[in-house]
Amino acid sequence: MDEFSYLSVLLSIILGLAVTQILIGLRGRMLTRARVRDFWPVQVWAALFLVIAAQTWWAMFGLRERRQWDFAGFAILLAQVIALYLLTGLVYPDFNPEKGTDLHAHYFRQRYHFFTLLIFAVVLSICRDLILNHSLPSLINLSFHLAFIGLAVSGLAIARERYHKLLALVVAAVFASYVVLLFTRLE
């Protein structure tokens, strides 16, 4: 087993747990749908984080040829997938079939943690390039990272419902553009 195959086992498990968080949330929403006050941006974020988990796993394939690993390089990857796991855990609440669930209230209760953690996750992604490649990401990649940070900061600063509905759609569109421009081929 080569170095990356060994290291990627733990990373893959955590990414799998992140996907599981979203799928458990979707299942909980379906099972308690009669007692759920819906807020559709939550569904957009859930779908987006499924794609982000897949894209993260996809992009890590590019590290398979790397033979020189140190703990800092592994730690930054580990921190990145842990942040993603924690983010996915904030998308949905724990569903309670007896009491019902208010996705709108949950979203706005978790807004500060969610967007702060999102900023942290994007900063970790930039740091990943700094630690593994000793340079910043390419200009287009860095531009997308800065756009994601800006959008997350706006999510922290603005508490209006209409804005958060628009924000979910804009982040999804920007992320789709990011994947199309930078990650359509496995390298």
N, C-alpha and C. Protein backbone atom coordinates (compact mmCIF):
# COMPACT_ATOMS: atom_id res chain seq x y z
N MET A 1 0.85 -1.18 0.00
CA MET A 1 0.00 0.00 0.00
C MET A 1 0.89 1.23 0.00
N ASP A 2 0.64 2.17 -0.92
CA ASP A 2 1.46 3.39 -0.96
C ASP A 2 1.00 4.36 0.13
N GLU A 3 1.77 5.43 0.30
CA GLU A 3 1.53 6.37 1.38
C GLU A 3 0.14 6.99 1.30
N PHE A 4 -0.22 7.49 0.13
CA PHE A 4 -1.51 8.18 0.04
C PHE A 4 -2.68 7.22 0.23
N SER A 5 -2.56 6.01 -0.27
CA SER A 5 -3.64 5.04 -0.06
C SER A 5 -3.86 4.81 1.43
N TYR A 6 -2.76 4.73 2.16
CA TYR A 6 -2.86 4.54 3.61
C TYR A 6 -3.52 5.75 4.26
N LEU A 7 -3.04 6.95 3.94
CA LEU A 7 -3.56 8.16 4.56
C LEU A 7 -4.99 8.46 4.15
N SER A 8 -5.34 8.10 2.93
CA SER A 8 -6.67 8.44 2.42
C SER A 8 -7.79 7.62 3.06
N VAL A 9 -7.45 6.53 3.72
CA VAL A 9 -8.48 5.72 4.37
C VAL A 9 -9.23 6.55 5.41
N LEU A 10 -8.51 7.19 6.31
CA LEU A 10 -9.15 8.00 7.34
C LEU A 10 -9.91 9.18 6.72
N LEU A 11 -9.31 9.83 5.72
CA LEU A 11 -9.98 10.95 5.05
C LEU A 11 -11.28 10.49 4.40
N SER A 12 -11.25 9.33 3.77
CA SER A 12 -12.45 8.80 3.11
C SER A 12 -13.53 8.44 4.12
N ILE A 13 -13.13 7.92 5.26
CA ILE A 13 -14.12 7.60 6.30
C ILE A 13 -14.83 8.86 6.77
N ILE A 14 -14.07 9.92 7.01
CA ILE A 14 -14.67 11.17 7.48
C ILE A 14 -15.56 11.78 6.40
N LEU A 15 -15.12 11.72 5.14
CA LEU A 15 -15.98 12.20 4.04
C LEU A 15 -17.26 11.37 3.96
N GLY A 16 -17.13 10.06 4.18
CA GLY A 16 -18.32 9.20 4.19
C GLY A 16 -19.26 9.57 5.32
N LEU A 17 -18.71 9.93 6.47
CA LEU A 17 -19.55 10.39 7.58
C LEU A 17 -20.25 11.70 7.25
N ALA A 18 -19.57 12.58 6.51
CA ALA A 18 -20.20 13.84 6.09
C ALA A 18 -21.39 13.56 5.18
N VAL A 19 -21.21 12.66 4.23
CA VAL A 19 -22.32 12.28 3.35
C VAL A 19 -23.44 11.66 4.17
N THR A 20 -23.07 10.83 5.14
CA THR A 20 -24.06 10.20 6.00
C THR A 20 -24.88 11.24 6.77
N GLN A 21 -24.22 12.30 7.25
CA GLN A 21 -24.95 13.36 7.95
C GLN A 21 -26.08 13.92 7.08
N ILE A 22 -25.75 14.22 5.83
CA ILE A 22 -26.76 14.78 4.93
C ILE A 22 -27.85 13.75 4.65
N LEU A 23 -27.47 12.52 4.38
CA LEU A 23 -28.47 11.50 4.06
C LEU A 23 -29.38 11.20 5.25
N ILE A 24 -28.82 11.20 6.46
CA ILE A 24 -29.66 11.01 7.65
C ILE A 24 -30.63 12.18 7.79
N GLY A 25 -30.16 13.39 7.51
CA GLY A 25 -31.04 14.56 7.55
C GLY A 25 -32.15 14.47 6.54
N LEU A 26 -31.82 14.06 5.31
CA LEU A 26 -32.85 13.89 4.27
C LEU A 26 -33.87 12.84 4.68
N ARG A 27 -33.37 11.75 5.22
CA ARG A 27 -34.26 10.68 5.68
C ARG A 27 -35.17 11.19 6.80
N GLY A 28 -34.59 11.89 7.76
CA GLY A 28 -35.38 12.43 8.86
C GLY A 28 -36.45 13.39 8.38
N ARG A 29 -36.10 14.20 7.40
CA ARG A 29 -37.07 15.14 6.84
C ARG A 29 -38.21 14.38 6.16
N MET A 30 -37.87 13.33 5.43
CA MET A 30 -38.92 12.54 4.75
C MET A 30 -39.82 11.83 5.75
N LEU A 31 -39.23 11.27 6.80
CA LEU A 31 -40.02 10.51 7.76
C LEU A 31 -40.94 11.39 8.61
N THR A 32 -40.54 12.65 8.80
CA THR A 32 -41.33 13.55 9.65
C THR A 32 -41.94 14.70 8.86
N ARG A 33 -42.05 14.55 7.55
CA ARG A 33 -42.45 15.65 6.68
C ARG A 33 -43.76 16.31 7.10
N ALA A 34 -44.68 15.57 7.69
CA ALA A 34 -45.96 16.16 8.10
C ALA A 34 -45.76 17.14 9.27
N ARG A 35 -44.65 17.00 9.98
CA ARG A 35 -44.41 17.85 11.16
C ARG A 35 -43.19 18.74 10.97
N VAL A 36 -42.85 19.04 9.71
CA VAL A 36 -41.68 19.87 9.43
C VAL A 36 -42.13 21.19 8.83
N ARG A 37 -41.64 22.27 9.42
CA ARG A 37 -41.79 23.59 8.79
C ARG A 37 -40.59 23.73 7.87
N ASP A 38 -40.84 23.68 6.59
CA ASP A 38 -39.76 23.64 5.61
C ASP A 38 -39.15 25.02 5.40
N PHE A 39 -37.91 25.01 4.96
CA PHE A 39 -37.20 26.21 4.54
C PHE A 39 -36.29 25.75 3.41
N TRP A 40 -36.69 26.00 2.17
CA TRP A 40 -36.03 25.36 1.03
C TRP A 40 -34.54 25.63 0.90
N PRO A 41 -33.99 26.75 1.38
CA PRO A 41 -32.52 26.88 1.30
C PRO A 41 -31.77 25.75 2.02
N VAL A 42 -32.38 25.16 3.03
CA VAL A 42 -31.75 24.02 3.71
C VAL A 42 -31.55 22.88 2.72
N GLN A 43 -32.52 22.65 1.86
CA GLN A 43 -32.40 21.58 0.86
C GLN A 43 -31.30 21.90 -0.15
N VAL A 44 -31.17 23.18 -0.50
CA VAL A 44 -30.10 23.59 -1.42
C VAL A 44 -28.74 23.34 -0.78
N TRP A 45 -28.59 23.74 0.49
CA TRP A 45 -27.32 23.51 1.19
C TRP A 45 -27.03 22.02 1.32
N ALA A 46 -28.05 21.23 1.58
CA ALA A 46 -27.86 19.78 1.70
C ALA A 46 -27.34 19.20 0.39
N ALA A 47 -27.98 19.55 -0.72
CA ALA A 47 -27.54 19.07 -2.03
C ALA A 47 -26.13 19.56 -2.34
N LEU A 48 -25.89 20.82 -2.03
CA LEU A 48 -24.57 21.40 -2.28
C LEU A 48 -23.48 20.68 -1.49
N PHE A 49 -23.75 20.35 -0.24
CA PHE A 49 -22.71 19.68 0.55
C PHE A 49 -22.51 18.22 0.14
N LEU A 50 -23.51 17.61 -0.45
CA LEU A 50 -23.27 16.29 -1.05
C LEU A 50 -22.29 16.42 -2.21
N VAL A 51 -22.48 17.46 -3.02
CA VAL A 51 -21.58 17.70 -4.15
C VAL A 51 -20.19 18.10 -3.65
N ILE A 52 -20.13 18.94 -2.63
CA ILE A 52 -18.83 19.36 -2.08
C ILE A 52 -18.06 18.15 -1.53
N ALA A 53 -18.75 17.26 -0.86
CA ALA A 53 -18.08 16.05 -0.34
C ALA A 53 -17.53 15.22 -1.50
N ALA A 54 -18.32 15.06 -2.55
CA ALA A 54 -17.87 14.29 -3.71
C ALA A 54 -16.69 15.00 -4.40
N GLN A 55 -16.78 16.32 -4.54
CA GLN A 55 -15.71 17.07 -5.18
C GLN A 55 -14.43 17.01 -4.36
N THR A 56 -14.54 17.06 -3.05
CA THR A 56 -13.37 16.97 -2.18
C THR A 56 -12.67 15.63 -2.37
N TRP A 57 -13.46 14.58 -2.35
CA TRP A 57 -12.92 13.24 -2.55
C TRP A 57 -12.27 13.14 -3.94
N TRP A 58 -12.96 13.65 -4.95
CA TRP A 58 -12.48 13.66 -6.34
C TRP A 58 -11.15 14.39 -6.45
N ALA A 59 -11.08 15.59 -5.86
CA ALA A 59 -9.87 16.40 -5.96
C ALA A 59 -8.68 15.77 -5.23
N MET A 60 -8.95 15.02 -4.18
CA MET A 60 -7.86 14.39 -3.43
C MET A 60 -7.16 13.31 -4.24
N PHE A 61 -7.80 12.83 -5.28
CA PHE A 61 -7.15 11.84 -6.15
C PHE A 61 -5.87 12.41 -6.74
N GLY A 62 -5.84 13.72 -6.92
CA GLY A 62 -4.66 14.38 -7.46
C GLY A 62 -3.43 14.25 -6.56
N LEU A 63 -3.62 13.82 -5.34
CA LEU A 63 -2.50 13.66 -4.40
C LEU A 63 -1.90 12.26 -4.43
N ARG A 64 -2.43 11.39 -5.26
CA ARG A 64 -2.02 9.97 -5.24
C ARG A 64 -0.56 9.76 -5.61
N GLU A 65 0.03 10.66 -6.39
CA GLU A 65 1.42 10.51 -6.81
C GLU A 65 2.40 11.08 -5.79
N ARG A 66 1.90 11.81 -4.82
CA ARG A 66 2.76 12.43 -3.82
C ARG A 66 3.38 11.35 -2.94
N ARG A 67 4.69 11.37 -2.81
CA ARG A 67 5.39 10.36 -2.02
C ARG A 67 5.99 10.93 -0.73
N GLN A 68 6.17 12.22 -0.69
CA GLN A 68 6.76 12.86 0.48
C GLN A 68 5.66 13.45 1.36
N TRP A 69 5.34 12.75 2.43
CA TRP A 69 4.30 13.20 3.35
C TRP A 69 4.93 13.53 4.69
N ASP A 70 4.45 14.60 5.29
CA ASP A 70 4.79 14.89 6.68
C ASP A 70 3.48 15.09 7.43
N PHE A 71 3.56 15.21 8.73
CA PHE A 71 2.33 15.28 9.50
C PHE A 71 1.55 16.56 9.19
N ALA A 72 2.23 17.66 8.91
CA ALA A 72 1.52 18.91 8.59
C ALA A 72 0.67 18.74 7.33
N GLY A 73 1.21 18.06 6.33
CA GLY A 73 0.45 17.82 5.10
C GLY A 73 -0.77 16.97 5.35
N PHE A 74 -0.61 15.93 6.15
CA PHE A 74 -1.76 15.08 6.47
C PHE A 74 -2.74 15.83 7.36
N ALA A 75 -2.23 16.59 8.32
CA ALA A 75 -3.09 17.31 9.27
C ALA A 75 -3.98 18.32 8.57
N ILE A 76 -3.47 19.00 7.56
CA ILE A 76 -4.30 20.00 6.87
C ILE A 76 -5.43 19.31 6.10
N LEU A 77 -5.14 18.16 5.50
CA LEU A 77 -6.19 17.41 4.82
C LEU A 77 -7.23 16.90 5.83
N LEU A 78 -6.75 16.43 6.96
CA LEU A 78 -7.64 15.94 8.00
C LEU A 78 -8.52 17.08 8.53
N ALA A 79 -7.93 18.23 8.77
CA ALA A 79 -8.70 19.39 9.24
C ALA A 79 -9.76 19.79 8.22
N GLN A 80 -9.39 19.73 6.95
CA GLN A 80 -10.33 20.11 5.89
C GLN A 80 -11.54 19.18 5.87
N VAL A 81 -11.34 17.88 5.94
CA VAL A 81 -12.50 16.97 5.90
C VAL A 81 -13.28 17.00 7.22
N ILE A 82 -12.62 17.27 8.32
CA ILE A 82 -13.34 17.42 9.59
C ILE A 82 -14.24 18.65 9.54
N ALA A 83 -13.73 19.75 9.01
CA ALA A 83 -14.56 20.96 8.87
C ALA A 83 -15.76 20.67 7.98
N LEU A 84 -15.56 19.93 6.91
CA LEU A 84 -16.67 19.57 6.03
C LEU A 84 -17.69 18.72 6.78
N TYR A 85 -17.21 17.76 7.55
CA TYR A 85 -18.11 16.92 8.35
C TYR A 85 -18.93 17.78 9.31
N LEU A 86 -18.28 18.69 10.02
CA LEU A 86 -18.99 19.55 10.97
C LEU A 86 -20.02 20.43 10.27
N LEU A 87 -19.67 20.94 9.10
CA LEU A 87 -20.62 21.74 8.32
C LEU A 87 -21.85 20.92 7.95
N THR A 88 -21.64 19.70 7.49
CA THR A 88 -22.79 18.87 7.11
C THR A 88 -23.66 18.55 8.31
N GLY A 89 -23.05 18.49 9.48
CA GLY A 89 -23.82 18.24 10.70
C GLY A 89 -24.69 19.41 11.12
N LEU A 90 -24.41 20.60 10.59
CA LEU A 90 -25.22 21.78 10.91
C LEU A 90 -26.36 22.01 9.92
N VAL A 91 -26.34 21.35 8.78
CA VAL A 91 -27.36 21.60 7.76
C VAL A 91 -28.75 21.24 8.27
N TYR A 92 -28.89 20.05 8.80
CA TYR A 92 -30.18 19.59 9.32
C TYR A 92 -30.13 19.47 10.83
N PRO A 93 -31.26 19.72 11.50
CA PRO A 93 -31.33 19.44 12.94
C PRO A 93 -31.60 17.95 13.15
N ASP A 94 -31.59 17.55 14.39
CA ASP A 94 -32.09 16.21 14.72
C ASP A 94 -33.61 16.29 14.65
N PHE A 95 -34.21 15.44 13.85
CA PHE A 95 -35.66 15.49 13.66
C PHE A 95 -36.37 14.80 14.81
N ASN A 96 -37.44 15.41 15.27
CA ASN A 96 -38.23 14.87 16.37
C ASN A 96 -39.66 14.66 15.87
N PRO A 97 -40.07 13.40 15.65
CA PRO A 97 -41.40 13.16 15.09
C PRO A 97 -42.53 13.59 16.03
N GLU A 98 -42.29 13.63 17.34
CA GLU A 98 -43.34 14.03 18.27
C GLU A 98 -43.53 15.54 18.32
N LYS A 99 -42.44 16.27 18.37
CA LYS A 99 -42.51 17.72 18.52
C LYS A 99 -42.55 18.46 17.18
N GLY A 100 -42.10 17.83 16.13
CA GLY A 100 -41.98 18.53 14.86
C GLY A 100 -40.64 19.25 14.77
N THR A 101 -40.35 19.75 13.60
CA THR A 101 -39.06 20.39 13.35
C THR A 101 -39.28 21.63 12.52
N ASP A 102 -38.62 22.70 12.91
CA ASP A 102 -38.70 23.97 12.20
C ASP A 102 -37.35 24.22 11.52
N LEU A 103 -37.28 23.93 10.22
CA LEU A 103 -36.01 24.10 9.50
C LEU A 103 -35.63 25.57 9.39
N HIS A 104 -36.62 26.45 9.31
CA HIS A 104 -36.36 27.89 9.25
C HIS A 104 -35.66 28.35 10.53
N ALA A 105 -36.23 27.99 11.67
CA ALA A 105 -35.64 28.39 12.96
C ALA A 105 -34.26 27.77 13.14
N HIS A 106 -34.12 26.50 12.76
CA HIS A 106 -32.82 25.83 12.88
C HIS A 106 -31.76 26.54 12.04
N TYR A 107 -32.10 26.87 10.81
CA TYR A 107 -31.16 27.54 9.91
C TYR A 107 -30.64 28.83 10.55
N PHE A 108 -31.55 29.66 11.03
CA PHE A 108 -31.12 30.95 11.57
C PHE A 108 -30.47 30.81 12.94
N ARG A 109 -30.79 29.77 13.70
CA ARG A 109 -30.09 29.49 14.97
C ARG A 109 -28.64 29.09 14.70
N GLN A 110 -28.40 28.35 13.63
CA GLN A 110 -27.06 27.83 13.31
C GLN A 110 -26.28 28.72 12.36
N ARG A 111 -26.88 29.82 11.94
CA ARG A 111 -26.27 30.67 10.90
C ARG A 111 -24.85 31.10 11.26
N TYR A 112 -24.60 31.58 12.47
CA TYR A 112 -23.25 32.04 12.83
C TYR A 112 -22.24 30.90 12.82
N HIS A 113 -22.61 29.79 13.42
CA HIS A 113 -21.69 28.64 13.41
C HIS A 113 -21.45 28.15 11.98
N PHE A 114 -22.52 28.06 11.21
CA PHE A 114 -22.43 27.53 9.85
C PHE A 114 -21.50 28.38 8.98
N PHE A 115 -21.75 29.68 8.93
CA PHE A 115 -20.95 30.52 8.03
C PHE A 115 -19.54 30.76 8.57
N THR A 116 -19.35 30.78 9.88
CA THR A 116 -18.00 30.86 10.44
C THR A 116 -17.21 29.61 10.08
N LEU A 117 -17.85 28.46 10.23
CA LEU A 117 -17.19 27.20 9.88
C LEU A 117 -16.93 27.11 8.37
N LEU A 118 -17.83 27.65 7.57
CA LEU A 118 -17.62 27.67 6.12
C LEU A 118 -16.40 28.51 5.76
N ILE A 119 -16.26 29.66 6.39
CA ILE A 119 -15.07 30.50 6.17
C ILE A 119 -13.82 29.72 6.57
N PHE A 120 -13.86 29.09 7.72
CA PHE A 120 -12.72 28.31 8.21
C PHE A 120 -12.37 27.19 7.22
N ALA A 121 -13.38 26.51 6.69
CA ALA A 121 -13.14 25.42 5.73
C ALA A 121 -12.48 25.93 4.45
N VAL A 122 -12.90 27.09 3.98
CA VAL A 122 -12.30 27.65 2.76
C VAL A 122 -10.86 28.10 3.04
N VAL A 123 -10.63 28.69 4.20
CA VAL A 123 -9.26 29.08 4.57
C VAL A 123 -8.36 27.84 4.67
N LEU A 124 -8.90 26.75 5.23
CA LEU A 124 -8.14 25.50 5.27
C LEU A 124 -7.78 25.01 3.87
N SER A 125 -8.70 25.19 2.93
CA SER A 125 -8.43 24.78 1.56
C SER A 125 -7.27 25.58 0.95
N ILE A 126 -7.24 26.86 1.23
CA ILE A 126 -6.12 27.70 0.77
C ILE A 126 -4.83 27.24 1.46
N CYS A 127 -4.92 27.00 2.76
CA CYS A 127 -3.73 26.55 3.52
C CYS A 127 -3.22 25.21 3.03
N ARG A 128 -4.12 24.39 2.54
CA ARG A 128 -3.72 23.09 2.00
C ARG A 128 -2.68 23.27 0.89
N ASP A 129 -2.95 24.19 -0.04
CA ASP A 129 -1.98 24.46 -1.10
C ASP A 129 -0.69 25.04 -0.53
N LEU A 130 -0.82 25.93 0.44
CA LEU A 130 0.38 26.52 1.04
C LEU A 130 1.26 25.46 1.70
N ILE A 131 0.63 24.52 2.39
CA ILE A 131 1.40 23.50 3.11
C ILE A 131 1.91 22.41 2.16
N LEU A 132 1.04 21.94 1.26
CA LEU A 132 1.45 20.83 0.38
C LEU A 132 2.31 21.28 -0.79
N ASN A 133 2.02 22.46 -1.36
CA ASN A 133 2.73 22.91 -2.57
C ASN A 133 3.63 24.11 -2.32
N HIS A 134 3.58 24.66 -1.11
CA HIS A 134 4.37 25.84 -0.75
C HIS A 134 4.05 27.03 -1.64
N SER A 135 2.78 27.12 -2.06
CA SER A 135 2.33 28.26 -2.85
C SER A 135 0.82 28.39 -2.70
N LEU A 136 0.34 29.56 -3.08
CA LEU A 136 -1.10 29.77 -3.09
C LEU A 136 -1.72 28.97 -4.24
N PRO A 137 -3.03 28.71 -4.17
CA PRO A 137 -3.68 28.06 -5.32
C PRO A 137 -3.54 28.93 -6.56
N SER A 138 -3.81 28.35 -7.71
CA SER A 138 -3.77 29.12 -8.96
C SER A 138 -4.70 30.32 -8.83
N LEU A 139 -4.50 31.31 -9.66
CA LEU A 139 -5.27 32.55 -9.56
C LEU A 139 -6.78 32.31 -9.67
N ILE A 140 -7.21 31.48 -10.59
CA ILE A 140 -8.64 31.22 -10.73
C ILE A 140 -9.17 30.46 -9.51
N ASN A 141 -8.41 29.51 -9.02
CA ASN A 141 -8.81 28.75 -7.84
C ASN A 141 -8.88 29.68 -6.62
N LEU A 142 -7.87 30.50 -6.43
CA LEU A 142 -7.84 31.45 -5.32
C LEU A 142 -9.00 32.44 -5.43
N SER A 143 -9.32 32.87 -6.64
CA SER A 143 -10.44 33.80 -6.84
C SER A 143 -11.75 33.18 -6.38
N PHE A 144 -11.97 31.92 -6.71
CA PHE A 144 -13.17 31.23 -6.24
C PHE A 144 -13.16 31.13 -4.71
N HIS A 145 -12.02 30.81 -4.13
CA HIS A 145 -11.93 30.71 -2.67
C HIS A 145 -12.30 32.04 -2.02
N LEU A 146 -11.76 33.12 -2.56
CA LEU A 146 -12.06 34.45 -2.01
C LEU A 146 -13.54 34.79 -2.19
N ALA A 147 -14.12 34.39 -3.31
CA ALA A 147 -15.56 34.61 -3.53
C ALA A 147 -16.37 33.85 -2.49
N PHE A 148 -16.00 32.59 -2.21
CA PHE A 148 -16.71 31.81 -1.20
C PHE A 148 -16.59 32.45 0.18
N ILE A 149 -15.41 32.96 0.50
CA ILE A 149 -15.24 33.64 1.79
C ILE A 149 -16.13 34.88 1.85
N GLY A 150 -16.14 35.65 0.77
CA GLY A 150 -16.99 36.85 0.73
C GLY A 150 -18.47 36.52 0.88
N LEU A 151 -18.91 35.48 0.20
CA LEU A 151 -20.32 35.06 0.32
C LEU A 151 -20.63 34.59 1.73
N ALA A 152 -19.71 33.86 2.35
CA ALA A 152 -19.93 33.38 3.72
C ALA A 152 -19.96 34.55 4.70
N VAL A 153 -19.08 35.52 4.51
CA VAL A 153 -19.10 36.71 5.37
C VAL A 153 -20.44 37.43 5.24
N SER A 154 -20.96 37.50 4.02
CA SER A 154 -22.27 38.15 3.84
C SER A 154 -23.37 37.36 4.54
N GLY A 155 -23.24 36.04 4.59
CA GLY A 155 -24.20 35.23 5.32
C GLY A 155 -24.16 35.48 6.82
N LEU A 156 -22.98 35.82 7.32
CA LEU A 156 -22.85 36.20 8.72
C LEU A 156 -23.43 37.57 8.99
N ALA A 157 -23.18 38.48 8.08
CA ALA A 157 -23.53 39.89 8.30
C ALA A 157 -25.01 40.20 8.06
N ILE A 158 -25.64 39.47 7.16
CA ILE A 158 -27.01 39.79 6.76
C ILE A 158 -27.94 38.68 7.24
N ALA A 159 -28.96 39.04 8.02
CA ALA A 159 -29.85 38.04 8.61
C ALA A 159 -31.21 37.97 7.92
N ARG A 160 -31.39 38.66 6.84
CA ARG A 160 -32.71 38.68 6.18
C ARG A 160 -32.98 37.37 5.44
N GLU A 161 -34.18 36.87 5.60
CA GLU A 161 -34.58 35.60 4.98
C GLU A 161 -34.44 35.63 3.47
N ARG A 162 -34.91 36.70 2.85
CA ARG A 162 -34.82 36.78 1.38
C ARG A 162 -33.38 36.71 0.91
N TYR A 163 -32.48 37.36 1.66
CA TYR A 163 -31.07 37.32 1.29
C TYR A 163 -30.53 35.90 1.37
N HIS A 164 -30.89 35.17 2.40
CA HIS A 164 -30.37 33.80 2.58
C HIS A 164 -30.95 32.85 1.53
N LYS A 165 -32.12 33.12 1.05
CA LYS A 165 -32.65 32.32 -0.06
C LYS A 165 -31.82 32.56 -1.31
N LEU A 166 -31.54 33.82 -1.59
CA LEU A 166 -30.69 34.16 -2.73
C LEU A 166 -29.27 33.63 -2.54
N LEU A 167 -28.75 33.76 -1.34
CA LEU A 167 -27.37 33.32 -1.04
C LEU A 167 -27.18 31.83 -1.33
N ALA A 168 -28.13 31.01 -0.93
CA ALA A 168 -28.01 29.57 -1.17
C ALA A 168 -27.91 29.29 -2.66
N LEU A 169 -28.72 29.97 -3.46
CA LEU A 169 -28.69 29.76 -4.91
C LEU A 169 -27.40 30.27 -5.53
N VAL A 170 -26.94 31.44 -5.07
CA VAL A 170 -25.70 32.02 -5.62
C VAL A 170 -24.51 31.13 -5.28
N VAL A 171 -24.39 30.67 -4.04
CA VAL A 171 -23.27 29.80 -3.66
C VAL A 171 -23.31 28.51 -4.48
N ALA A 172 -24.50 27.95 -4.67
CA ALA A 172 -24.61 26.73 -5.48
C ALA A 172 -24.16 26.98 -6.91
N ALA A 173 -24.56 28.11 -7.49
CA ALA A 173 -24.16 28.43 -8.87
C ALA A 173 -22.66 28.68 -8.97
N VAL A 174 -22.10 29.39 -8.00
CA VAL A 174 -20.66 29.66 -8.01
C VAL A 174 -19.89 28.35 -7.84
N PHE A 175 -20.36 27.49 -6.96
CA PHE A 175 -19.67 26.21 -6.78
C PHE A 175 -19.76 25.35 -8.04
N ALA A 176 -20.91 25.35 -8.69
CA ALA A 176 -21.05 24.59 -9.95
C ALA A 176 -20.05 25.12 -10.98
N SER A 177 -19.91 26.43 -11.07
CA SER A 177 -18.92 27.02 -11.99
C SER A 177 -17.50 26.61 -11.61
N TYR A 178 -17.22 26.60 -10.33
CA TYR A 178 -15.91 26.20 -9.83
C TYR A 178 -15.56 24.78 -10.25
N VAL A 179 -16.51 23.87 -10.07
CA VAL A 179 -16.28 22.47 -10.43
C VAL A 179 -16.11 22.33 -11.94
N VAL A 180 -16.97 22.98 -12.71
CA VAL A 180 -16.90 22.89 -14.17
C VAL A 180 -15.56 23.43 -14.69
N LEU A 181 -15.11 24.53 -14.15
CA LEU A 181 -13.87 25.14 -14.63
C LEU A 181 -12.60 24.43 -14.17
N LEU A 182 -12.64 23.83 -12.97
CA LEU A 182 -11.39 23.32 -12.41
C LEU A 182 -11.36 21.81 -12.14
N PHE A 183 -12.51 21.15 -12.10
CA PHE A 183 -12.48 19.76 -11.62
C PHE A 183 -13.30 18.79 -12.47
N THR A 184 -13.44 19.04 -13.75
CA THR A 184 -14.24 18.10 -14.56
C THR A 184 -13.49 16.85 -14.93
N ARG A 185 -12.17 16.91 -14.89
CA ARG A 185 -11.36 15.73 -15.23
C ARG A 185 -10.60 15.26 -14.00
N LEU A 186 -10.53 13.96 -13.86
CA LEU A 186 -9.77 13.36 -12.79
C LEU A 186 -8.29 13.41 -13.16
N GLU A 187 -7.51 14.07 -12.35
CA GLU A 187 -6.08 14.22 -12.66
C GLU A 187 -5.21 13.60 -11.60
